[in-house]
Amino acid sequence: MVPAAGQTDRAALSVRHAPAHASSTSTSSKSDSRQGVSVSTLATENDLFSAALKAGRAGDRREAVELLDVLLSRFPNSPLKQSAESARAKLSESIPPAR
């Protein structure tokens, strides 16, 4: 099944397949004046945050940090920013140094 426009297949979310359907400079929502439609990026932001937490719980802390980095860079004004920064700090501390 293919997700509808603007939706993310949550099961397939990873850094390599992070949703790209939102602008990197967007805020939580923006308007498309041509169609009079408000486009929200909050679903994508939630998907990234949720996927990061899931990866962290599964023990893939590097993937979790990468997903949080994508969230923070793509959506710098996200309402999830503080939570993402906090989760990223905790996960980063628990990653063993590379050998």
Protein backbone atom coordinates (compact mmCIF):
# COMPACT_ATOMS: atom_id res chain seq x y z
CA MET A 1 0.00 0.00 0.00
CA VAL A 2 1.37 3.42 -0.97
CA PRO A 3 0.94 6.23 1.59
CA ALA A 4 -1.25 9.14 0.55
CA ALA A 5 0.43 12.39 -0.42
CA GLY A 6 1.97 14.06 2.61
CA GLN A 7 2.01 10.86 4.68
CA THR A 8 4.95 8.67 5.65
CA ASP A 9 5.15 4.89 5.67
CA ARG A 10 6.15 4.75 9.34
CA ALA A 11 7.45 1.18 9.21
CA ALA A 12 10.03 2.06 6.54
CA LEU A 13 11.37 5.22 8.17
CA SER A 14 15.15 5.41 8.59
CA VAL A 15 17.84 7.99 8.01
CA ARG A 16 18.38 6.64 4.53
CA HIS A 17 14.67 6.93 3.80
CA ALA A 18 13.75 9.90 5.99
CA PRO A 19 10.74 11.75 4.62
CA ALA A 20 11.77 14.40 2.14
CA HIS A 21 8.33 15.82 1.42
CA ALA A 22 8.88 18.87 3.61
CA SER A 23 11.20 21.81 3.15
CA SER A 24 14.32 22.09 5.29
CA THR A 25 13.43 25.66 6.20
CA SER A 26 9.84 25.07 7.09
CA THR A 27 8.15 25.74 10.37
CA SER A 28 5.38 23.60 11.76
CA SER A 29 3.01 24.69 9.03
CA LYS A 30 2.93 26.88 5.98
CA SER A 31 0.30 27.95 3.50
CA ASP A 32 0.16 27.27 -0.18
CA SER A 33 -1.50 30.43 -1.42
CA ARG A 34 -2.12 28.92 -4.86
CA GLN A 35 -4.52 26.36 -3.41
CA GLY A 36 -5.43 27.97 -0.09
CA VAL A 37 -4.30 24.81 1.70
CA SER A 38 -2.31 24.71 4.93
CA VAL A 39 0.46 22.12 4.76
CA SER A 40 1.66 20.83 8.12
CA THR A 41 5.03 19.20 8.65
CA LEU A 42 4.16 18.04 12.14
CA ALA A 43 3.34 14.51 10.97
CA THR A 44 6.80 14.19 9.42
CA GLU A 45 8.40 15.65 12.53
CA ASN A 46 6.50 13.16 14.71
CA ASP A 47 7.50 10.29 12.40
CA LEU A 48 11.18 11.19 12.66
CA PHE A 49 11.02 11.58 16.44
CA SER A 50 9.09 8.34 16.87
CA ALA A 51 11.48 6.43 14.58
CA ALA A 52 14.45 7.79 16.53
CA LEU A 53 12.98 6.67 19.86
CA LYS A 54 12.14 3.26 18.40
CA ALA A 55 15.70 2.85 17.09
CA GLY A 56 17.07 3.83 20.49
CA ARG A 57 14.85 1.31 22.29
CA ALA A 58 16.00 -1.36 19.82
CA GLY A 59 19.61 -0.60 20.71
CA ASP A 60 20.52 1.22 17.49
CA ARG A 61 21.61 4.42 19.20
CA ARG A 62 23.67 5.69 16.25
CA GLU A 63 20.64 5.44 13.96
CA ALA A 64 18.54 7.17 16.61
CA VAL A 65 21.00 10.06 16.85
CA GLU A 66 21.12 10.34 13.05
CA LEU A 67 17.31 10.51 12.87
CA LEU A 68 17.25 13.20 15.55
CA ASP A 69 19.91 15.12 13.63
CA VAL A 70 17.71 14.97 10.53
CA LEU A 71 14.74 16.22 12.54
CA LEU A 72 16.70 19.10 14.09
CA SER A 73 18.33 20.17 10.83
CA ARG A 74 15.23 19.85 8.65
CA PHE A 75 12.85 21.43 11.18
CA PRO A 76 14.84 23.89 13.33
CA ASN A 77 11.66 25.53 14.65
CA SER A 78 9.89 22.29 15.48
CA PRO A 79 7.78 22.10 18.63
CA LEU A 80 9.70 18.84 19.22
CA LYS A 81 13.08 20.63 19.21
CA GLN A 82 13.64 20.60 22.98
CA SER A 83 12.61 16.96 23.33
CA ALA A 84 14.74 15.96 20.34
CA GLU A 85 17.79 17.78 21.72
CA SER A 86 17.34 16.14 25.11
CA ALA A 87 16.89 12.66 23.62
CA ARG A 88 19.89 13.21 21.34
CA ALA A 89 22.11 14.21 24.28
CA LYS A 90 21.11 11.12 26.29
CA LEU A 91 21.58 8.78 23.33
CA SER A 92 24.94 10.33 22.39
CA GLU A 93 26.26 9.75 25.91
CA SER A 94 25.40 6.07 25.67
CA ILE A 95 27.18 5.41 22.35
CA PRO A 96 30.50 3.66 22.92
CA PRO A 97 33.49 5.35 21.26
CA ALA A 98 34.50 4.00 17.84
CA ARG A 99 37.51 1.69 17.86
